[in-house]
Amino acid sequence: MNRTAFDAHCATLRHATNVVQWGGCSVWKIGGKIFALCSPEAKGEGFVRISFKCSDMAYEILSDEPGIIPAPHLARAKWVQLQAPDAMDDDAIRQHLDAAHAIIASRLTRKLRTELGFLS
């Protein structure tokens, strides 16, 4: 998945917002909390690194997969980073981005979840 596709998918997620920070990373948030990141393409590598929040079980499984590592600086919070362009297909990435969004949305305050329409 390239950065354009990453941003396009994240933009479809309910109440997701985007900011570019930390040296050009595309940072996606909900309620001010980060759920996914995409690095700029590194010179000579030809691909981006995508990081996202995982459930505890997904973190354990994905961390053992080739081309996927615990995300630098975020591993303690159960984040992984795709280190190779073929580490995961685009459909799987989209599913994990959806799950990351849902995990972070569920951890927002009750007041904020109500304001965003996640609670009635």
PDB file of N, CA and C in Angstrom:
ATOM      1  N   MET A   1       0.863  -1.173   0.000  1.00  0.00           N
ATOM      2  CA  MET A   1       0.000   0.000   0.000  1.00  0.00           C
ATOM      3  C   MET A   1       0.904   1.228   0.000  1.00  0.00           C
ATOM      4  N   ASN A   2       0.613   2.164  -0.867  1.00  0.00           N
ATOM      5  CA  ASN A   2       1.383   3.395  -0.876  1.00  0.00           C
ATOM      6  C   ASN A   2       0.709   4.438   0.029  1.00  0.00           C
ATOM      7  N   ARG A   3       1.361   5.564   0.189  1.00  0.00           N
ATOM      8  CA  ARG A   3       0.852   6.578   1.110  1.00  0.00           C
ATOM      9  C   ARG A   3      -0.468   7.175   0.639  1.00  0.00           C
ATOM     10  N   THR A   4      -0.637   7.340  -0.648  1.00  0.00           N
ATOM     11  CA  THR A   4      -1.891   7.879  -1.177  1.00  0.00           C
ATOM     12  C   THR A   4      -3.055   6.959  -0.833  1.00  0.00           C
ATOM     13  N   ALA A   5      -2.871   5.659  -1.028  1.00  0.00           N
ATOM     14  CA  ALA A   5      -3.922   4.689  -0.696  1.00  0.00           C
ATOM     15  C   ALA A   5      -4.162   4.634   0.814  1.00  0.00           C
ATOM     16  N   PHE A   6      -3.083   4.701   1.583  1.00  0.00           N
ATOM     17  CA  PHE A   6      -3.200   4.727   3.048  1.00  0.00           C
ATOM     18  C   PHE A   6      -4.047   5.923   3.489  1.00  0.00           C
ATOM     19  N   ASP A   7      -3.695   7.110   3.006  1.00  0.00           N
ATOM     20  CA  ASP A   7      -4.438   8.319   3.381  1.00  0.00           C
ATOM     21  C   ASP A   7      -5.887   8.262   2.898  1.00  0.00           C
ATOM     22  N   ALA A   8      -6.091   7.753   1.693  1.00  0.00           N
ATOM     23  CA  ALA A   8      -7.449   7.662   1.152  1.00  0.00           C
ATOM     24  C   ALA A   8      -8.316   6.750   2.012  1.00  0.00           C
ATOM     25  N   HIS A   9      -7.762   5.631   2.447  1.00  0.00           N
ATOM     26  CA  HIS A   9      -8.560   4.725   3.285  1.00  0.00           C
ATOM     27  C   HIS A   9      -8.834   5.344   4.658  1.00  0.00           C
ATOM     28  N   CYS A  10      -7.803   5.872   5.292  1.00  0.00           N
ATOM     29  CA  CYS A  10      -7.997   6.463   6.620  1.00  0.00           C
ATOM     30  C   CYS A  10      -9.011   7.608   6.583  1.00  0.00           C
ATOM     31  N   ALA A  11      -9.047   8.337   5.475  1.00  0.00           N
ATOM     32  CA  ALA A  11      -9.989   9.453   5.340  1.00  0.00           C
ATOM     33  C   ALA A  11     -11.442   8.990   5.320  1.00  0.00           C
ATOM     34  N   THR A  12     -11.677   7.716   5.026  1.00  0.00           N
ATOM     35  CA  THR A  12     -13.046   7.194   4.998  1.00  0.00           C
ATOM     36  C   THR A  12     -13.540   6.799   6.387  1.00  0.00           C
ATOM     37  N   LEU A  13     -12.643   6.730   7.359  1.00  0.00           N
ATOM     38  CA  LEU A  13     -13.016   6.275   8.699  1.00  0.00           C
ATOM     39  C   LEU A  13     -13.678   7.418   9.472  1.00  0.00           C
ATOM     40  N   ARG A  14     -14.721   7.079  10.149  1.00  0.00           N
ATOM     41  CA  ARG A  14     -15.566   8.040  10.851  1.00  0.00           C
ATOM     42  C   ARG A  14     -14.777   8.938  11.808  1.00  0.00           C
ATOM     43  N   HIS A  15     -14.893  10.242  11.607  1.00  0.00           N
ATOM     44  CA  HIS A  15     -14.268  11.271  12.447  1.00  0.00           C
ATOM     45  C   HIS A  15     -12.738  11.214  12.490  1.00  0.00           C
ATOM     46  N   ALA A  16     -12.136  10.562  11.506  1.00  0.00           N
ATOM     47  CA  ALA A  16     -10.676  10.511  11.450  1.00  0.00           C
ATOM     48  C   ALA A  16     -10.144  11.847  10.939  1.00  0.00           C
ATOM     49  N   THR A  17      -9.064  12.302  11.563  1.00  0.00           N
ATOM     50  CA  THR A  17      -8.405  13.538  11.138  1.00  0.00           C
ATOM     51  C   THR A  17      -6.947  13.250  10.836  1.00  0.00           C
ATOM     52  N   ASN A  18      -6.360  14.085   9.993  1.00  0.00           N
ATOM     53  CA  ASN A  18      -4.990  13.873   9.551  1.00  0.00           C
ATOM     54  C   ASN A  18      -4.143  15.097   9.819  1.00  0.00           C
ATOM     55  N   VAL A  19      -2.907  14.836  10.202  1.00  0.00           N
ATOM     56  CA  VAL A  19      -1.905  15.887  10.349  1.00  0.00           C
ATOM     57  C   VAL A  19      -0.581  15.305   9.872  1.00  0.00           C
ATOM     58  N   VAL A  20       0.234  16.141   9.279  1.00  0.00           N
ATOM     59  CA  VAL A  20       1.574  15.709   8.887  1.00  0.00           C
ATOM     60  C   VAL A  20       2.539  16.270   9.917  1.00  0.00           C
ATOM     61  N   GLN A  21       3.283  15.390  10.557  1.00  0.00           N
ATOM     62  CA  GLN A  21       4.215  15.800  11.610  1.00  0.00           C
ATOM     63  C   GLN A  21       5.358  14.810  11.694  1.00  0.00           C
ATOM     64  N   TRP A  22       6.287  15.049  12.582  1.00  0.00           N
ATOM     65  CA  TRP A  22       7.416  14.154  12.829  1.00  0.00           C
ATOM     66  C   TRP A  22       8.187  13.844  11.544  1.00  0.00           C
ATOM     67  N   GLY A  23       8.651  14.869  10.884  1.00  0.00           N
ATOM     68  CA  GLY A  23       9.463  14.663   9.695  1.00  0.00           C
ATOM     69  C   GLY A  23       8.694  14.209   8.477  1.00  0.00           C
ATOM     70  N   GLY A  24       7.427  14.543   8.404  1.00  0.00           N
ATOM     71  CA  GLY A  24       6.636  14.233   7.219  1.00  0.00           C
ATOM     72  C   GLY A  24       5.755  13.008   7.320  1.00  0.00           C
ATOM     73  N   CYS A  25       5.582  12.449   8.512  1.00  0.00           N
ATOM     74  CA  CYS A  25       4.680  11.309   8.680  1.00  0.00           C
ATOM     75  C   CYS A  25       3.232  11.761   8.528  1.00  0.00           C
ATOM     76  N   SER A  26       2.437  10.930   7.880  1.00  0.00           N
ATOM     77  CA  SER A  26       0.999  11.145   7.813  1.00  0.00           C
ATOM     78  C   SER A  26       0.411  10.479   9.053  1.00  0.00           C
ATOM     79  N   VAL A  27      -0.112  11.291   9.962  1.00  0.00           N
ATOM     80  CA  VAL A  27      -0.581  10.814  11.268  1.00  0.00           C
ATOM     81  C   VAL A  27      -2.105  10.916  11.294  1.00  0.00           C
ATOM     82  N   TRP A  28      -2.759   9.796  11.527  1.00  0.00           N
ATOM     83  CA  TRP A  28      -4.231   9.749  11.563  1.00  0.00           C
ATOM     84  C   TRP A  28      -4.709   9.574  12.991  1.00  0.00           C
ATOM     85  N   LYS A  29      -5.711  10.381  13.352  1.00  0.00           N
ATOM     86  CA  LYS A  29      -6.207  10.415  14.724  1.00  0.00           C
ATOM     87  C   LYS A  29      -7.727  10.353  14.745  1.00  0.00           C
ATOM     88  N   ILE A  30      -8.236   9.972  15.889  1.00  0.00           N
ATOM     89  CA  ILE A  30      -9.654  10.102  16.193  1.00  0.00           C
ATOM     90  C   ILE A  30      -9.741  10.672  17.595  1.00  0.00           C
ATOM     91  N   GLY A  31     -10.494  11.750  17.741  1.00  0.00           N
ATOM     92  CA  GLY A  31     -10.610  12.392  19.047  1.00  0.00           C
ATOM     93  C   GLY A  31      -9.268  12.833  19.603  1.00  0.00           C
ATOM     94  N   GLY A  32      -8.333  13.160  18.718  1.00  0.00           N
ATOM     95  CA  GLY A  32      -7.007  13.607  19.147  1.00  0.00           C
ATOM     96  C   GLY A  32      -6.046  12.489  19.481  1.00  0.00           C
ATOM     97  N   LYS A  33      -6.474  11.240  19.382  1.00  0.00           N
ATOM     98  CA  LYS A  33      -5.631  10.073  19.692  1.00  0.00           C
ATOM     99  C   LYS A  33      -5.214   9.381  18.406  1.00  0.00           C
ATOM    100  N   ILE A  34      -3.947   9.048  18.292  1.00  0.00           N
ATOM    101  CA  ILE A  34      -3.398   8.442  17.075  1.00  0.00           C
ATOM    102  C   ILE A  34      -3.806   6.976  16.959  1.00  0.00           C
ATOM    103  N   PHE A  35      -4.216   6.582  15.735  1.00  0.00           N
ATOM    104  CA  PHE A  35      -4.489   5.168  15.476  1.00  0.00           C
ATOM    105  C   PHE A  35      -3.614   4.590  14.360  1.00  0.00           C
ATOM    106  N   ALA A  36      -3.011   5.444  13.515  1.00  0.00           N
ATOM    107  CA  ALA A  36      -2.165   4.938  12.431  1.00  0.00           C
ATOM    108  C   ALA A  36      -1.203   6.015  11.942  1.00  0.00           C
ATOM    109  N   LEU A  37      -0.062   5.559  11.427  1.00  0.00           N
ATOM    110  CA  LEU A  37       0.978   6.445  10.902  1.00  0.00           C
ATOM    111  C   LEU A  37       1.502   5.874   9.588  1.00  0.00           C
ATOM    112  N   CYS A  38       1.927   6.765   8.700  1.00  0.00           N
ATOM    113  CA  CYS A  38       2.599   6.343   7.474  1.00  0.00           C
ATOM    114  C   CYS A  38       3.789   7.259   7.262  1.00  0.00           C
ATOM    115  N   SER A  39       4.969   6.665   7.179  1.00  0.00           N
ATOM    116  CA  SER A  39       6.192   7.445   6.988  1.00  0.00           C
ATOM    117  C   SER A  39       6.271   7.949   5.552  1.00  0.00           C
ATOM    118  N   PRO A  40       7.068   8.983   5.336  1.00  0.00           N
ATOM    119  CA  PRO A  40       7.365   9.335   3.945  1.00  0.00           C
ATOM    120  C   PRO A  40       8.247   8.240   3.348  1.00  0.00           C
ATOM    121  N   GLU A  41       8.248   8.154   2.039  1.00  0.00           N
ATOM    122  CA  GLU A  41       9.075   7.151   1.376  1.00  0.00           C
ATOM    123  C   GLU A  41      10.549   7.467   1.614  1.00  0.00           C
ATOM    124  N   ALA A  42      11.276   6.504   2.149  1.00  0.00           N
ATOM    125  CA  ALA A  42      12.703   6.699   2.403  1.00  0.00           C
ATOM    126  C   ALA A  42      13.475   6.626   1.095  1.00  0.00           C
ATOM    127  N   LYS A  43      14.470   7.469   0.963  1.00  0.00           N
ATOM    128  CA  LYS A  43      15.266   7.500  -0.268  1.00  0.00           C
ATOM    129  C   LYS A  43      15.879   6.132  -0.540  1.00  0.00           C
ATOM    130  N   GLY A  44      15.689   5.674  -1.756  1.00  0.00           N
ATOM    131  CA  GLY A  44      16.285   4.416  -2.173  1.00  0.00           C
ATOM    132  C   GLY A  44      15.510   3.174  -1.792  1.00  0.00           C
ATOM    133  N   GLU A  45      14.521   3.287  -0.902  1.00  0.00           N
ATOM    134  CA  GLU A  45      13.768   2.107  -0.481  1.00  0.00           C
ATOM    135  C   GLU A  45      12.562   1.849  -1.377  1.00  0.00           C
ATOM    136  N   GLY A  46      11.912   2.897  -1.839  1.00  0.00           N
ATOM    137  CA  GLY A  46      10.782   2.730  -2.735  1.00  0.00           C
ATOM    138  C   GLY A  46       9.489   2.289  -2.087  1.00  0.00           C
ATOM    139  N   PHE A  47       9.402   2.372  -0.761  1.00  0.00           N
ATOM    140  CA  PHE A  47       8.156   2.049  -0.078  1.00  0.00           C
ATOM    141  C   PHE A  47       8.055   2.838   1.213  1.00  0.00           C
ATOM    142  N   VAL A  48       6.855   2.850   1.768  1.00  0.00           N
ATOM    143  CA  VAL A  48       6.612   3.549   3.030  1.00  0.00           C
ATOM    144  C   VAL A  48       6.502   2.527   4.156  1.00  0.00           C
ATOM    145  N   ARG A  49       6.643   3.010   5.357  1.00  0.00           N
ATOM    146  CA  ARG A  49       6.425   2.172   6.540  1.00  0.00           C
ATOM    147  C   ARG A  49       5.108   2.597   7.178  1.00  0.00           C
ATOM    148  N   ILE A  50       4.242   1.634   7.378  1.00  0.00           N
ATOM    149  CA  ILE A  50       2.931   1.888   7.984  1.00  0.00           C
ATOM    150  C   ILE A  50       2.943   1.295   9.383  1.00  0.00           C
ATOM    151  N   SER A  51       2.453   2.070  10.354  1.00  0.00           N
ATOM    152  CA  SER A  51       2.343   1.609  11.745  1.00  0.00           C
ATOM    153  C   SER A  51       0.906   1.796  12.191  1.00  0.00           C
ATOM    154  N   PHE A  52       0.436   0.879  13.033  1.00  0.00           N
ATOM    155  CA  PHE A  52      -0.929   0.997  13.544  1.00  0.00           C
ATOM    156  C   PHE A  52      -1.086   0.284  14.876  1.00  0.00           C
ATOM    157  N   LYS A  53      -2.089   0.712  15.607  1.00  0.00           N
ATOM    158  CA  LYS A  53      -2.454   0.119  16.896  1.00  0.00           C
ATOM    159  C   LYS A  53      -3.097  -1.239  16.644  1.00  0.00           C
ATOM    160  N   CYS A  54      -2.813  -2.208  17.517  1.00  0.00           N
ATOM    161  CA  CYS A  54      -3.375  -3.564  17.396  1.00  0.00           C
ATOM    162  C   CYS A  54      -4.024  -4.000  18.700  1.00  0.00           C
ATOM    163  N   SER A  55      -4.865  -5.000  18.592  1.00  0.00           N
ATOM    164  CA  SER A  55      -5.329  -5.687  19.798  1.00  0.00           C
ATOM    165  C   SER A  55      -4.138  -6.467  20.348  1.00  0.00           C
ATOM    166  N   ASP A  56      -4.230  -6.894  21.580  1.00  0.00           N
ATOM    167  CA  ASP A  56      -3.140  -7.668  22.184  1.00  0.00           C
ATOM    168  C   ASP A  56      -2.839  -8.922  21.361  1.00  0.00           C
ATOM    169  N   MET A  57      -3.891  -9.632  20.939  1.00  0.00           N
ATOM    170  CA  MET A  57      -3.700 -10.870  20.187  1.00  0.00           C
ATOM    171  C   MET A  57      -3.087 -10.588  18.810  1.00  0.00           C
ATOM    172  N   ALA A  58      -3.605  -9.592  18.112  1.00  0.00           N
ATOM    173  CA  ALA A  58      -3.055  -9.257  16.795  1.00  0.00           C
ATOM    174  C   ALA A  58      -1.595  -8.837  16.914  1.00  0.00           C
ATOM    175  N   TYR A  59      -1.265  -8.106  17.955  1.00  0.00           N
ATOM    176  CA  TYR A  59       0.122  -7.680  18.171  1.00  0.00           C
ATOM    177  C   TYR A  59       1.049  -8.894  18.285  1.00  0.00           C
ATOM    178  N   GLU A  60       0.640  -9.872  19.081  1.00  0.00           N
ATOM    179  CA  GLU A  60       1.468 -11.065  19.279  1.00  0.00           C
ATOM    180  C   GLU A  60       1.646 -11.833  17.971  1.00  0.00           C
ATOM    181  N   ILE A  61       0.571 -11.953  17.214  1.00  0.00           N
ATOM    182  CA  ILE A  61       0.635 -12.703  15.952  1.00  0.00           C
ATOM    183  C   ILE A  61       1.449 -11.937  14.910  1.00  0.00           C
ATOM    184  N   LEU A  62       1.119 -10.659  14.713  1.00  0.00           N
ATOM    185  CA  LEU A  62       1.775  -9.876  13.665  1.00  0.00           C
ATOM    186  C   LEU A  62       3.257  -9.653  13.937  1.00  0.00           C
ATOM    187  N   SER A  63       3.633  -9.513  15.194  1.00  0.00           N
ATOM    188  CA  SER A  63       5.041  -9.274  15.535  1.00  0.00           C
ATOM    189  C   SER A  63       5.953 -10.412  15.108  1.00  0.00           C
ATOM    190  N   ASP A  64       5.392 -11.596  14.932  1.00  0.00           N
ATOM    191  CA  ASP A  64       6.170 -12.762  14.513  1.00  0.00           C
ATOM    192  C   ASP A  64       6.196 -12.957  12.999  1.00  0.00           C
ATOM    193  N   GLU A  65       5.457 -12.134  12.263  1.00  0.00           N
ATOM    194  CA  GLU A  65       5.391 -12.279  10.809  1.00  0.00           C
ATOM    195  C   GLU A  65       6.601 -11.624  10.140  1.00  0.00           C
ATOM    196  N   PRO A  66       7.073 -12.200   9.034  1.00  0.00           N
ATOM    197  CA  PRO A  66       8.194 -11.588   8.310  1.00  0.00           C
ATOM    198  C   PRO A  66       7.812 -10.195   7.790  1.00  0.00           C
ATOM    199  N   GLY A  67       8.707  -9.253   7.946  1.00  0.00           N
ATOM    200  CA  GLY A  67       8.482  -7.903   7.451  1.00  0.00           C
ATOM    201  C   GLY A  67       7.661  -7.022   8.368  1.00  0.00           C
ATOM    202  N   ILE A  68       7.307  -7.529   9.552  1.00  0.00           N
ATOM    203  CA  ILE A  68       6.523  -6.762  10.525  1.00  0.00           C
ATOM    204  C   ILE A  68       7.268  -6.790  11.852  1.00  0.00           C
ATOM    205  N   ILE A  69       7.417  -5.618  12.467  1.00  0.00           N
ATOM    206  CA  ILE A  69       8.125  -5.528  13.743  1.00  0.00           C
ATOM    207  C   ILE A  69       7.274  -4.756  14.749  1.00  0.00           C
ATOM    208  N   PRO A  70       7.564  -4.901  16.048  1.00  0.00           N
ATOM    209  CA  PRO A  70       6.958  -3.988  17.016  1.00  0.00           C
ATOM    210  C   PRO A  70       7.366  -2.563  16.630  1.00  0.00           C
ATOM    211  N   ALA A  71       6.428  -1.664  16.589  1.00  0.00           N
ATOM    212  CA  ALA A  71       6.700  -0.300  16.123  1.00  0.00           C
ATOM    213  C   ALA A  71       7.652   0.428  17.067  1.00  0.00           C
ATOM    214  N   PRO A  72       8.707   1.043  16.513  1.00  0.00           N
ATOM    215  CA  PRO A  72       9.623   1.811  17.348  1.00  0.00           C
ATOM    216  C   PRO A  72       8.868   2.884  18.134  1.00  0.00           C
ATOM    217  N   HIS A  73       9.169   3.003  19.392  1.00  0.00           N
ATOM    218  CA  HIS A  73       8.597   3.978  20.321  1.00  0.00           C
ATOM    219  C   HIS A  73       7.140   3.703  20.693  1.00  0.00           C
ATOM    220  N   LEU A  74       6.496   2.749  20.042  1.00  0.00           N
ATOM    221  CA  LEU A  74       5.075   2.498  20.299  1.00  0.00           C
ATOM    222  C   LEU A  74       4.780   1.036  20.642  1.00  0.00           C
ATOM    223  N   ALA A  75       5.784   0.211  20.658  1.00  0.00           N
ATOM    224  CA  ALA A  75       5.582  -1.219  20.890  1.00  0.00           C
ATOM    225  C   ALA A  75       4.930  -1.501  22.244  1.00  0.00           C
ATOM    226  N   ARG A  76       5.307  -0.742  23.253  1.00  0.00           N
ATOM    227  CA  ARG A  76       4.728  -0.991  24.586  1.00  0.00           C
ATOM    228  C   ARG A  76       3.215  -0.775  24.597  1.00  0.00           C
ATOM    229  N   ALA A  77       2.714  -0.008  23.620  1.00  0.00           N
ATOM    230  CA  ALA A  77       1.272   0.246  23.499  1.00  0.00           C
ATOM    231  C   ALA A  77       0.630  -0.683  22.464  1.00  0.00           C
ATOM    232  N   LYS A  78       1.355  -1.732  22.058  1.00  0.00           N
ATOM    233  CA  LYS A  78       0.862  -2.742  21.115  1.00  0.00           C
ATOM    234  C   LYS A  78       0.632  -2.185  19.716  1.00  0.00           C
ATOM    235  N   TRP A  79       1.656  -1.564  19.174  1.00  0.00           N
ATOM    236  CA  TRP A  79       1.667  -1.088  17.800  1.00  0.00           C
ATOM    237  C   TRP A  79       2.659  -1.918  17.009  1.00  0.00           C
ATOM    238  N   VAL A  80       2.378  -2.138  15.725  1.00  0.00           N
ATOM    239  CA  VAL A  80       3.319  -2.803  14.832  1.00  0.00           C
ATOM    240  C   VAL A  80       3.652  -1.876  13.669  1.00  0.00           C
ATOM    241  N   GLN A  81       4.767  -2.195  13.002  1.00  0.00           N
ATOM    242  CA  GLN A  81       5.182  -1.430  11.831  1.00  0.00           C
ATOM    243  C   GLN A  81       5.497  -2.391  10.696  1.00  0.00           C
ATOM    244  N   LEU A  82       4.961  -2.100   9.523  1.00  0.00           N
ATOM    245  CA  LEU A  82       5.255  -2.877   8.334  1.00  0.00           C
ATOM    246  C   LEU A  82       6.585  -2.373   7.774  1.00  0.00           C
ATOM    247  N   GLN A  83       7.561  -3.259   7.705  1.00  0.00           N
ATOM    248  CA  GLN A  83       8.917  -2.892   7.301  1.00  0.00           C
ATOM    249  C   GLN A  83       9.247  -3.272   5.858  1.00  0.00           C
ATOM    250  N   ALA A  84       8.344  -3.960   5.191  1.00  0.00           N
ATOM    251  CA  ALA A  84       8.591  -4.399   3.821  1.00  0.00           C
ATOM    252  C   ALA A  84       7.307  -4.216   3.010  1.00  0.00           C
ATOM    253  N   PRO A  85       7.439  -3.907   1.722  1.00  0.00           N
ATOM    254  CA  PRO A  85       6.248  -3.650   0.916  1.00  0.00           C
ATOM    255  C   PRO A  85       5.335  -4.864   0.754  1.00  0.00           C
ATOM    256  N   ASP A  86       5.886  -6.061   0.924  1.00  0.00           N
ATOM    257  CA  ASP A  86       5.072  -7.270   0.784  1.00  0.00           C
ATOM    258  C   ASP A  86       4.745  -7.917   2.135  1.00  0.00           C
ATOM    259  N   ALA A  87       4.896  -7.176   3.217  1.00  0.00           N
ATOM    260  CA  ALA A  87       4.632  -7.727   4.551  1.00  0.00           C
ATOM    261  C   ALA A  87       3.156  -8.080   4.733  1.00  0.00           C
ATOM    262  N   MET A  88       2.268  -7.356   4.034  1.00  0.00           N
ATOM    263  CA  MET A  88       0.828  -7.569   4.187  1.00  0.00           C
ATOM    264  C   MET A  88       0.145  -7.014   2.938  1.00  0.00           C
ATOM    265  N   ASP A  89      -0.899  -7.692   2.457  1.00  0.00           N
ATOM    266  CA  ASP A  89      -1.583  -7.165   1.276  1.00  0.00           C
ATOM    267  C   ASP A  89      -2.498  -6.001   1.660  1.00  0.00           C
ATOM    268  N   ASP A  90      -2.894  -5.229   0.671  1.00  0.00           N
ATOM    269  CA  ASP A  90      -3.657  -3.998   0.916  1.00  0.00           C
ATOM    270  C   ASP A  90      -4.975  -4.254   1.640  1.00  0.00           C
ATOM    271  N   ASP A  91      -5.668  -5.333   1.302  1.00  0.00           N
ATOM    272  CA  ASP A  91      -6.935  -5.631   1.984  1.00  0.00           C
ATOM    273  C   ASP A  91      -6.711  -5.873   3.476  1.00  0.00           C
ATOM    274  N   ALA A  92      -5.663  -6.611   3.804  1.00  0.00           N
ATOM    275  CA  ALA A  92      -5.352  -6.872   5.219  1.00  0.00           C
ATOM    276  C   ALA A  92      -4.963  -5.577   5.928  1.00  0.00           C
ATOM    277  N   ILE A  93      -4.201  -4.729   5.255  1.00  0.00           N
ATOM    278  CA  ILE A  93      -3.832  -3.447   5.863  1.00  0.00           C
ATOM    279  C   ILE A  93      -5.087  -2.637   6.162  1.00  0.00           C
ATOM    280  N   ARG A  94      -5.999  -2.570   5.194  1.00  0.00           N
ATOM    281  CA  ARG A  94      -7.249  -1.822   5.416  1.00  0.00           C
ATOM    282  C   ARG A  94      -8.024  -2.383   6.611  1.00  0.00           C
ATOM    283  N   GLN A  95      -8.086  -3.694   6.730  1.00  0.00           N
ATOM    284  CA  GLN A  95      -8.788  -4.316   7.863  1.00  0.00           C
ATOM    285  C   GLN A  95      -8.121  -3.944   9.188  1.00  0.00           C
ATOM    286  N   HIS A  96      -6.794  -3.942   9.211  1.00  0.00           N
ATOM    287  CA  HIS A  96      -6.087  -3.580  10.441  1.00  0.00           C
ATOM    288  C   HIS A  96      -6.238  -2.091  10.756  1.00  0.00           C
ATOM    289  N   LEU A  97      -6.274  -1.250   9.738  1.00  0.00           N
ATOM    290  CA  LEU A  97      -6.506   0.183   9.975  1.00  0.00           C
ATOM    291  C   LEU A  97      -7.906   0.402  10.547  1.00  0.00           C
ATOM    292  N   ASP A  98      -8.888  -0.323  10.021  1.00  0.00           N
ATOM    293  CA  ASP A  98     -10.249  -0.234  10.559  1.00  0.00           C
ATOM    294  C   ASP A  98     -10.278  -0.657  12.027  1.00  0.00           C
ATOM    295  N   ALA A  99      -9.578  -1.755  12.328  1.00  0.00           N
ATOM    296  CA  ALA A  99      -9.533  -2.254  13.707  1.00  0.00           C
ATOM    297  C   ALA A  99      -8.816  -1.263  14.618  1.00  0.00           C
ATOM    298  N   ALA A 100      -7.722  -0.668  14.135  1.00  0.00           N
ATOM    299  CA  ALA A 100      -6.982   0.315  14.936  1.00  0.00           C
ATOM    300  C   ALA A 100      -7.875   1.505  15.255  1.00  0.00           C
ATOM    301  N   HIS A 101      -8.606   1.973  14.271  1.00  0.00           N
ATOM    302  CA  HIS A 101      -9.552   3.080  14.459  1.00  0.00           C
ATOM    303  C   HIS A 101     -10.580   2.719  15.526  1.00  0.00           C
ATOM    304  N   ALA A 102     -11.142   1.512  15.426  1.00  0.00           N
ATOM    305  CA  ALA A 102     -12.168   1.072  16.392  1.00  0.00           C
ATOM    306  C   ALA A 102     -11.591   0.951  17.803  1.00  0.00           C
ATOM    307  N   ILE A 103     -10.373   0.433  17.920  1.00  0.00           N
ATOM    308  CA  ILE A 103      -9.743   0.286  19.238  1.00  0.00           C
ATOM    309  C   ILE A 103      -9.572   1.655  19.891  1.00  0.00           C
ATOM    310  N   ILE A 104      -9.009   2.599  19.157  1.00  0.00           N
ATOM    311  CA  ILE A 104      -8.773   3.928  19.726  1.00  0.00           C
ATOM    312  C   ILE A 104     -10.089   4.636  20.004  1.00  0.00           C
ATOM    313  N   ALA A 105     -11.069   4.515  19.113  1.00  0.00           N
ATOM    314  CA  ALA A 105     -12.378   5.139  19.348  1.00  0.00           C
ATOM    315  C   ALA A 105     -13.015   4.593  20.621  1.00  0.00           C
ATOM    316  N   SER A 106     -12.866   3.308  20.865  1.00  0.00           N
ATOM    317  CA  SER A 106     -13.471   2.699  22.052  1.00  0.00           C
ATOM    318  C   SER A 106     -12.808   3.154  23.348  1.00  0.00           C
ATOM    319  N   ARG A 107     -11.603   3.691  23.247  1.00  0.00           N
ATOM    320  CA  ARG A 107     -10.868   4.130  24.442  1.00  0.00           C
ATOM    321  C   ARG A 107     -10.993   5.625  24.708  1.00  0.00           C
ATOM    322  N   LEU A 108     -11.735   6.321  23.864  1.00  0.00           N
ATOM    323  CA  LEU A 108     -11.988   7.745  24.114  1.00  0.00           C
ATOM    324  C   LEU A 108     -12.907   7.884  25.316  1.00  0.00           C
ATOM    325  N   THR A 109     -12.928   9.052  25.905  1.00  0.00           N
ATOM    326  CA  THR A 109     -13.817   9.267  27.040  1.00  0.00           C
ATOM    327  C   THR A 109     -15.264   9.089  26.609  1.00  0.00           C
ATOM    328  N   ARG A 110     -16.096   8.752  27.540  1.00  0.00           N
ATOM    329  CA  ARG A 110     -17.522   8.580  27.247  1.00  0.00           C
ATOM    330  C   ARG A 110     -18.095   9.866  26.655  1.00  0.00           C
ATOM    331  N   LYS A 111     -17.698  10.996  27.228  1.00  0.00           N
ATOM    332  CA  LYS A 111     -18.181  12.291  26.746  1.00  0.00           C
ATOM    333  C   LYS A 111     -17.802  12.499  25.280  1.00  0.00           C
ATOM    334  N   LEU A 112     -16.553  12.218  24.936  1.00  0.00           N
ATOM    335  CA  LEU A 112     -16.101  12.416  23.564  1.00  0.00           C
ATOM    336  C   LEU A 112     -16.757  11.418  22.610  1.00  0.00           C
ATOM    337  N   ARG A 113     -16.911  10.172  23.047  1.00  0.00           N
ATOM    338  CA  ARG A 113     -17.600   9.190  22.199  1.00  0.00           C
ATOM    339  C   ARG A 113     -19.033   9.620  21.940  1.00  0.00           C
ATOM    340  N   THR A 114     -19.685  10.204  22.936  1.00  0.00           N
ATOM    341  CA  THR A 114     -21.045  10.710  22.751  1.00  0.00           C
ATOM    342  C   THR A 114     -21.057  11.884  21.785  1.00  0.00           C
ATOM    343  N   GLU A 115     -20.116  12.824  21.946  1.00  0.00           N
ATOM    344  CA  GLU A 115     -20.023  13.973  21.062  1.00  0.00           C
ATOM    345  C   GLU A 115     -19.781  13.561  19.612  1.00  0.00           C
ATOM    346  N   LEU A 116     -18.998  12.510  19.408  1.00  0.00           N
ATOM    347  CA  LEU A 116     -18.691  12.038  18.066  1.00  0.00           C
ATOM    348  C   LEU A 116     -19.763  11.115  17.496  1.00  0.00           C
ATOM    349  N   GLY A 117     -20.761  10.790  18.310  1.00  0.00           N
ATOM    350  CA  GLY A 117     -21.862   9.968  17.840  1.00  0.00           C
ATOM    351  C   GLY A 117     -21.646   8.475  17.935  1.00  0.00           C
ATOM    352  N   PHE A 118     -20.641   8.048  18.694  1.00  0.00           N
ATOM    353  CA  PHE A 118     -20.410   6.625  18.889  1.00  0.00           C
ATOM    354  C   PHE A 118     -21.313   6.051  19.970  1.00  0.00           C
ATOM    355  N   LEU A 119     -21.826   6.898  20.831  1.00  0.00           N
ATOM    356  CA  LEU A 119     -22.771   6.498  21.874  1.00  0.00           C
ATOM    357  C   LEU A 119     -24.028   7.351  21.735  1.00  0.00           C
ATOM    358  N   SER A 120     -25.136   6.771  22.098  1.00  0.00           N
ATOM    359  CA  SER A 120     -26.406   7.531  22.020  1.00  0.00           C
ATOM    360  C   SER A 120     -26.673   8.255  23.314  1.00  0.00           C
TER     361      SER A 120
END
